[in-house]
N, C-alpha and C. Protein backbone atom coordinates (compact mmCIF):
# COMPACT_ATOMS: atom_id res chain seq x y z
N MET A 1 3.43 -4.52 3.75
CA MET A 1 2.78 -6.05 3.02
C MET A 1 3.18 -6.89 4.46
N ALA A 2 2.19 -6.86 5.24
CA ALA A 2 1.76 -7.59 6.60
C ALA A 2 1.38 -9.71 6.73
N LYS A 3 2.71 -10.32 7.27
CA LYS A 3 2.75 -11.57 6.98
C LYS A 3 2.31 -12.28 8.49
N ASN A 4 1.76 -13.29 8.04
CA ASN A 4 1.02 -14.16 9.68
C ASN A 4 0.19 -13.51 10.40
N LEU A 5 -0.48 -13.18 9.76
CA LEU A 5 -1.63 -13.09 10.29
C LEU A 5 -2.88 -14.32 10.51
N ASN A 6 -3.45 -13.50 11.87
CA ASN A 6 -4.70 -14.60 12.08
C ASN A 6 -5.72 -14.54 11.31
N SER A 7 -6.52 -16.01 11.18
CA SER A 7 -7.43 -15.65 10.11
C SER A 7 -8.73 -15.13 10.46
N GLN A 8 -8.82 -15.40 12.33
CA GLN A 8 -9.58 -14.72 13.20
C GLN A 8 -9.74 -12.89 12.88
N THR A 9 -8.49 -12.45 12.94
CA THR A 9 -8.29 -11.33 12.59
C THR A 9 -8.96 -10.30 11.95
N ASN A 10 -9.52 -9.36 12.40
CA ASN A 10 -10.82 -8.73 12.15
C ASN A 10 -10.05 -7.38 11.21
N GLU A 11 -10.25 -6.33 9.81
CA GLU A 11 -10.25 -5.74 9.26
C GLU A 11 -9.50 -4.05 10.37
N GLU A 12 -10.98 -3.89 11.28
CA GLU A 12 -11.02 -3.12 11.95
C GLU A 12 -9.59 -2.73 13.08
N THR A 13 -9.66 -4.52 13.66
CA THR A 13 -8.00 -4.29 15.02
C THR A 13 -7.21 -4.86 14.18
N PHE A 14 -6.93 -4.86 12.62
CA PHE A 14 -5.18 -4.76 12.61
C PHE A 14 -5.22 -3.34 12.62
N ARG A 15 -6.02 -2.77 11.43
CA ARG A 15 -5.69 -1.65 11.02
C ARG A 15 -5.51 -0.99 12.20
N ARG A 16 -6.16 -0.65 13.54
CA ARG A 16 -5.47 -0.02 14.94
C ARG A 16 -4.10 -0.26 15.02
N PHE A 17 -4.01 -1.67 15.46
CA PHE A 17 -2.77 -2.90 16.12
C PHE A 17 -1.69 -1.87 14.58
N VAL A 18 -2.13 -1.66 13.89
CA VAL A 18 -0.89 -1.07 12.37
C VAL A 18 -0.93 -0.05 13.11
N GLU A 19 -2.02 1.22 12.61
CA GLU A 19 -1.56 2.71 13.02
C GLU A 19 -0.92 3.11 14.74
N ILE A 20 -1.23 1.91 15.20
CA ILE A 20 -0.41 2.46 16.81
C ILE A 20 0.26 1.83 16.83
N LYS A 21 0.95 0.83 15.90
CA LYS A 21 2.53 0.39 16.42
C LYS A 21 3.65 0.81 15.53
N LYS A 22 3.22 1.51 14.38
CA LYS A 22 3.76 2.62 13.30
C LYS A 22 3.69 3.36 13.33
N LYS A 23 2.82 3.96 13.99
CA LYS A 23 2.32 5.65 13.97
C LYS A 23 2.14 6.64 13.22
N ALA A 24 1.25 5.38 12.34
CA ALA A 24 0.50 6.45 11.14
C ALA A 24 -0.13 5.94 10.80
N ASP A 25 -1.21 6.42 9.90
CA ASP A 25 -2.81 6.40 9.56
C ASP A 25 -2.41 5.63 8.54
N VAL A 26 -3.39 4.60 8.59
CA VAL A 26 -3.77 3.54 7.28
C VAL A 26 -4.83 3.73 6.74
N ILE A 27 -4.80 4.31 5.42
CA ILE A 27 -6.14 4.66 4.24
C ILE A 27 -6.79 3.07 3.80
N LYS A 28 -6.31 1.89 4.21
CA LYS A 28 -6.78 0.46 3.50
C LYS A 28 -6.04 -0.28 3.90
N VAL A 29 -6.74 -1.44 4.41
CA VAL A 29 -6.16 -3.00 4.52
C VAL A 29 -6.82 -4.04 3.02
N VAL A 30 -5.63 -5.18 2.38
CA VAL A 30 -6.26 -5.27 1.55
C VAL A 30 -5.59 -6.96 2.14
N PHE A 31 -6.75 -7.63 2.44
CA PHE A 31 -6.22 -8.62 2.75
C PHE A 31 -6.58 -10.00 1.73
N GLY A 32 -5.62 -10.64 1.81
CA GLY A 32 -4.89 -11.50 0.93
C GLY A 32 -5.31 -13.06 1.38
N LYS A 33 -4.75 -14.20 0.45
CA LYS A 33 -4.81 -15.14 0.92
C LYS A 33 -3.08 -16.22 2.73
N ASP A 34 -3.12 -17.39 2.97
CA ASP A 34 -2.07 -17.26 3.87
C ASP A 34 -1.78 -16.48 4.93
N GLY A 35 -2.78 -15.45 5.61
CA GLY A 35 -2.17 -14.77 6.90
C GLY A 35 -1.63 -13.76 6.26
N LYS A 36 -1.94 -13.47 4.57
CA LYS A 36 -1.14 -11.76 4.61
C LYS A 36 -2.30 -11.23 4.36
N ALA A 37 -1.24 -9.22 4.11
CA ALA A 37 -2.71 -8.51 3.90
C ALA A 37 -1.52 -7.04 3.62
N VAL A 38 -2.02 -6.12 2.21
CA VAL A 38 -1.77 -5.24 2.07
C VAL A 38 -1.84 -4.30 2.62
N VAL A 39 -1.11 -3.31 2.97
CA VAL A 39 -1.58 -2.25 4.37
C VAL A 39 -1.12 -0.83 3.32
N ILE A 40 -1.90 -0.27 3.30
CA ILE A 40 -1.32 1.41 3.09
C ILE A 40 -1.95 2.15 3.58
N LEU A 41 -0.65 2.94 4.43
CA LEU A 41 -0.69 4.80 4.62
C LEU A 41 -0.95 5.83 3.94
N LYS A 42 -1.36 6.12 5.03
CA LYS A 42 -1.67 7.80 4.72
C LYS A 42 -0.39 8.71 4.26
N ASN A 43 0.65 8.41 5.26
CA ASN A 43 1.86 9.28 5.47
C ASN A 43 2.61 8.30 5.62
N GLU A 44 4.58 9.13 5.26
CA GLU A 44 5.27 7.53 5.18
C GLU A 44 5.31 8.40 7.00
N ILE A 45 6.24 6.52 7.03
CA ILE A 45 7.27 6.80 8.74
C ILE A 45 8.08 6.76 8.21
N ASP A 46 8.77 7.30 9.14
CA ASP A 46 10.47 7.68 9.28
C ASP A 46 11.12 6.50 9.18
N GLU A 47 11.93 6.76 8.14
CA GLU A 47 12.55 5.58 6.97
C GLU A 47 14.00 4.64 8.02
N ASP A 48 13.93 5.41 9.50
CA ASP A 48 14.70 4.43 10.26
C ASP A 48 13.39 3.61 11.15
N TYR A 49 12.65 4.43 10.74
CA TYR A 49 11.53 3.97 12.08
C TYR A 49 11.07 2.36 11.04
N SER A 50 11.34 2.68 9.44
CA SER A 50 10.63 1.70 8.53
C SER A 50 11.26 -0.23 8.52
N ASN A 51 12.93 0.61 8.67
CA ASN A 51 13.83 -0.09 9.10
C ASN A 51 13.94 -1.29 9.97
N GLU A 52 13.27 -0.60 11.33
CA GLU A 52 13.24 -1.62 11.93
C GLU A 52 12.86 -2.63 12.24
N GLU A 53 13.86 -3.91 12.26
CA GLU A 53 12.56 -5.47 12.94
C GLU A 53 11.47 -5.24 13.76
N SER A 54 10.20 -6.12 12.93
CA SER A 54 9.04 -5.65 12.72
C SER A 54 8.09 -7.42 12.71
N SER A 55 9.18 -7.70 13.33
CA SER A 55 8.62 -9.83 14.57
C SER A 55 9.24 -10.18 15.43
N ASN A 56 8.37 -9.05 16.28
CA ASN A 56 9.38 -10.06 17.34
C ASN A 56 7.53 -9.69 18.91
N GLU A 57 8.29 -9.77 19.84
CA GLU A 57 6.94 -10.20 21.22
C GLU A 57 5.75 -9.13 20.36
N ASN A 58 6.39 -7.91 20.72
CA ASN A 58 5.73 -6.93 20.61
C ASN A 58 4.69 -6.09 19.54
N MET A 59 5.07 -7.26 18.57
CA MET A 59 4.11 -7.14 17.34
C MET A 59 3.12 -8.53 17.66
N LYS A 60 2.51 -8.98 18.67
CA LYS A 60 1.89 -9.69 18.37
C LYS A 60 0.31 -9.38 18.32
N LEU A 61 -0.15 -10.11 17.90
CA LEU A 61 -1.93 -10.27 18.13
C LEU A 61 -2.41 -11.15 17.32
N ASP A 62 -3.77 -11.42 18.44
CA ASP A 62 -4.81 -12.86 18.12
C ASP A 62 -3.56 -13.85 18.19
N GLY A 63 -2.93 -13.84 18.61
CA GLY A 63 -1.59 -15.38 18.59
C GLY A 63 -0.85 -15.52 18.24
N SER A 64 -0.72 -14.01 17.09
CA SER A 64 -0.10 -14.35 16.06
C SER A 64 1.20 -13.69 16.65
N ILE A 65 1.84 -13.30 15.82
CA ILE A 65 3.63 -12.53 15.43
C ILE A 65 3.60 -12.30 14.51
N ILE A 66 2.97 -10.50 14.21
CA ILE A 66 2.42 -10.11 12.70
C ILE A 66 3.80 -9.03 12.32
N SER A 67 4.76 -9.70 10.88
CA SER A 67 5.69 -9.71 10.80
C SER A 67 4.73 -8.09 9.60
N LEU A 68 5.54 -7.20 9.26
CA LEU A 68 5.87 -5.98 8.36
C LEU A 68 6.97 -5.32 7.89
N GLU A 69 6.57 -5.64 6.20
CA GLU A 69 7.38 -5.32 5.82
C GLU A 69 6.93 -4.35 4.57
N PHE A 70 8.27 -3.12 4.80
CA PHE A 70 7.64 -1.95 3.49
C PHE A 70 8.11 -1.59 2.26
N ALA A 71 7.38 -1.40 1.17
CA ALA A 71 8.06 -1.61 -0.20
C ALA A 71 8.87 -0.46 -0.17
N PRO A 72 10.15 -0.82 -0.87
CA PRO A 72 10.75 0.26 -1.07
C PRO A 72 10.00 1.75 -1.74
N LEU A 73 11.23 2.47 -1.91
CA LEU A 73 9.71 3.50 -2.09
C LEU A 73 10.90 4.03 -3.84
N THR A 74 9.70 4.27 -4.30
CA THR A 74 9.44 4.74 -5.92
C THR A 74 9.22 5.26 -6.43
N LYS A 75 8.97 5.98 -7.60
CA LYS A 75 8.63 7.47 -8.29
C LYS A 75 7.66 6.89 -9.36
N GLY A 76 7.64 5.79 -8.91
CA GLY A 76 6.41 4.31 -10.35
C GLY A 76 5.81 3.54 -9.48
N ILE A 77 4.88 3.32 -11.05
CA ILE A 77 3.99 2.05 -9.78
C ILE A 77 3.47 1.19 -11.73
N ARG A 78 3.67 -0.02 -12.17
CA ARG A 78 2.90 -0.08 -13.01
C ARG A 78 1.44 -0.68 -12.66
N ILE A 79 -0.44 -0.46 -13.41
CA ILE A 79 -1.42 -1.02 -13.31
C ILE A 79 -1.50 -1.86 -14.66
N SER A 80 -2.16 -3.12 -14.33
CA SER A 80 -2.38 -4.05 -15.64
C SER A 80 -4.03 -4.56 -14.82
N ASN A 81 -4.17 -5.14 -16.23
CA ASN A 81 -6.05 -5.14 -16.40
C ASN A 81 -7.11 -3.79 -15.87
N ILE A 82 -6.67 -2.64 -17.26
CA ILE A 82 -6.78 -1.39 -17.82
C ILE A 82 -7.95 -2.55 -18.16
N PRO A 83 -9.10 -1.84 -19.00
CA PRO A 83 -10.30 -2.48 -19.65
C PRO A 83 -10.62 -1.29 -20.33
N GLN A 84 -10.15 -1.67 -22.02
CA GLN A 84 -9.91 -0.78 -23.55
C GLN A 84 -11.30 -0.04 -23.42
N GLY A 85 -10.16 1.41 -23.81
CA GLY A 85 -11.31 2.05 -23.78
C GLY A 85 -10.90 3.52 -23.91
N PRO A 86 -11.01 4.53 -23.47
CA PRO A 86 -9.99 5.89 -23.49
C PRO A 86 -9.65 5.84 -21.48
N PHE A 87 -9.70 5.71 -20.49
CA PHE A 87 -9.30 5.51 -19.37
C PHE A 87 -7.80 5.58 -19.29
N LEU A 88 -7.28 7.02 -19.87
CA LEU A 88 -5.96 7.76 -20.15
C LEU A 88 -6.44 8.48 -18.72
N ASP A 89 -7.15 9.46 -19.01
CA ASP A 89 -7.67 10.57 -18.37
C ASP A 89 -7.81 9.99 -16.86
N ASP A 90 -9.20 9.21 -16.46
CA ASP A 90 -9.02 8.25 -15.12
C ASP A 90 -8.18 7.89 -14.78
N ILE A 91 -7.16 7.55 -15.06
CA ILE A 91 -6.04 6.98 -14.77
C ILE A 91 -5.72 7.76 -13.56
N ARG A 92 -5.49 9.45 -14.66
CA ARG A 92 -3.90 10.33 -13.98
C ARG A 92 -5.39 11.25 -12.67
N ARG A 93 -6.37 10.59 -12.87
CA ARG A 93 -7.72 11.42 -12.18
C ARG A 93 -7.28 10.30 -11.10
N ILE A 94 -7.46 9.85 -11.23
CA ILE A 94 -7.06 9.29 -9.55
C ILE A 94 -5.77 8.37 -8.68
N PHE A 95 -4.67 9.09 -9.46
CA PHE A 95 -3.82 8.66 -9.05
C PHE A 95 -3.26 9.58 -8.27
N SER A 96 -3.67 10.95 -8.77
CA SER A 96 -3.36 12.15 -9.29
C SER A 96 -4.19 12.36 -7.60
N ASN A 97 -5.13 11.61 -7.66
CA ASN A 97 -6.56 13.06 -6.36
C ASN A 97 -5.46 12.22 -4.71
N LYS A 98 -4.94 13.44 -4.17
CA LYS A 98 -4.82 13.06 -3.08
C LYS A 98 -5.44 13.40 -1.63
N SER A 99 -6.83 13.50 -2.15
CA SER A 99 -7.74 12.89 -0.75
C SER A 99 -7.86 11.10 -0.54
N ILE A 100 -7.07 10.45 -1.66
CA ILE A 100 -7.14 9.00 -1.42
C ILE A 100 -4.97 8.70 -1.76
N GLY A 101 -4.55 10.20 -1.16
CA GLY A 101 -2.80 9.66 -1.45
C GLY A 101 -1.83 9.83 -2.54
N GLY A 102 -3.19 10.43 -3.44
CA GLY A 102 -2.20 10.41 -4.54
C GLY A 102 -1.67 12.18 -4.60
N ASP A 103 -0.06 11.70 -5.88
CA ASP A 103 0.49 12.74 -5.64
C ASP A 103 1.03 13.15 -7.90
N PRO A 104 0.91 14.44 -7.18
CA PRO A 104 1.75 14.51 -9.07
C PRO A 104 1.66 13.28 -9.24
N ILE A 105 1.40 14.08 -11.27
CA ILE A 105 1.85 13.06 -11.53
C ILE A 105 2.99 13.46 -13.31
N THR A 106 4.20 13.21 -13.62
CA THR A 106 4.99 13.37 -14.07
C THR A 106 4.82 12.81 -15.84
N ASP A 107 4.80 12.16 -15.57
CA ASP A 107 4.69 11.00 -16.98
C ASP A 107 3.68 10.03 -16.55
N MET A 108 3.16 9.05 -18.15
CA MET A 108 2.08 8.20 -17.97
C MET A 108 2.67 7.26 -18.92
N MET A 109 2.12 6.05 -19.52
CA MET A 109 2.66 5.88 -20.55
C MET A 109 1.06 4.40 -20.71
N LEU A 110 0.28 4.00 -21.99
CA LEU A 110 -0.02 3.53 -21.80
C LEU A 110 -0.33 1.91 -22.86
N ASP A 111 -0.23 0.95 -22.45
CA ASP A 111 0.17 0.14 -23.19
C ASP A 111 -1.29 -0.52 -23.95
N THR A 112 -2.43 -0.14 -24.36
CA THR A 112 -4.28 -0.35 -24.34
C THR A 112 -4.80 -1.85 -24.83
N LYS A 113 -3.16 -2.54 -25.77
CA LYS A 113 -3.83 -3.40 -26.38
C LYS A 113 -3.18 -4.75 -24.96
N ASN A 114 -2.31 -4.77 -24.15
CA ASN A 114 -2.52 -5.69 -23.45
C ASN A 114 -2.96 -5.57 -21.74
N GLY A 115 -3.57 -4.00 -21.58
CA GLY A 115 -4.68 -2.56 -20.41
C GLY A 115 -2.90 -3.15 -19.38
N ILE A 116 -2.56 -1.78 -19.80
CA ILE A 116 -1.51 -1.91 -19.01
C ILE A 116 -0.88 -0.44 -19.22
N ALA A 117 -0.74 0.33 -17.82
CA ALA A 117 0.06 1.39 -17.59
C ALA A 117 1.47 1.59 -16.73
N ASN A 118 2.24 2.57 -17.56
CA ASN A 118 3.31 2.70 -15.79
C ASN A 118 3.04 3.91 -16.12
N VAL A 119 3.01 4.30 -14.43
CA VAL A 119 2.47 5.52 -13.63
C VAL A 119 3.85 6.47 -13.21
N TYR A 120 3.95 8.37 -13.15
CA TYR A 120 5.48 8.79 -12.05
C TYR A 120 4.78 9.23 -11.88
N PHE A 121 5.98 9.59 -10.28
CA PHE A 121 5.12 10.48 -9.82
C PHE A 121 6.02 12.10 -9.64
N GLU A 122 5.39 12.60 -8.81
CA GLU A 122 6.74 13.98 -9.10
C GLU A 122 7.41 13.37 -8.35
N LYS A 123 7.08 13.03 -6.13
CA LYS A 123 7.43 12.38 -5.53
C LYS A 123 8.55 11.22 -5.51
N THR A 124 9.16 10.73 -4.57
CA THR A 124 9.54 8.99 -4.38
C THR A 124 8.33 9.42 -3.43
N SER A 125 7.84 8.18 -3.23
CA SER A 125 6.75 7.66 -2.10
C SER A 125 6.43 6.04 -1.76
């Protein structure tokens, strides 16, 4: 999660900034509200490096000091807003697709009534 982004910063500039500062390939950037963005990395970064304080002068971009926080490592995710239908195989195919950062899935639980799925992976990421 990136915070304190300047509203004038474009995706390509921000993507390159993260790749240079964190030495990791960026798969996707999703801009949110209030100067926030979600950054999906292709490869994991060094655990010690990910815990370093990132909100300092060397994280300045377009006049703002960017703060990067990393999600805790986990083996599972929850997906919501799944439309009704036979989508279990689609979910498995998407989240195990290595070309978009997926990994082998060990278990899935789908609640079709509420449109929620829990997906569990072989590896922690």
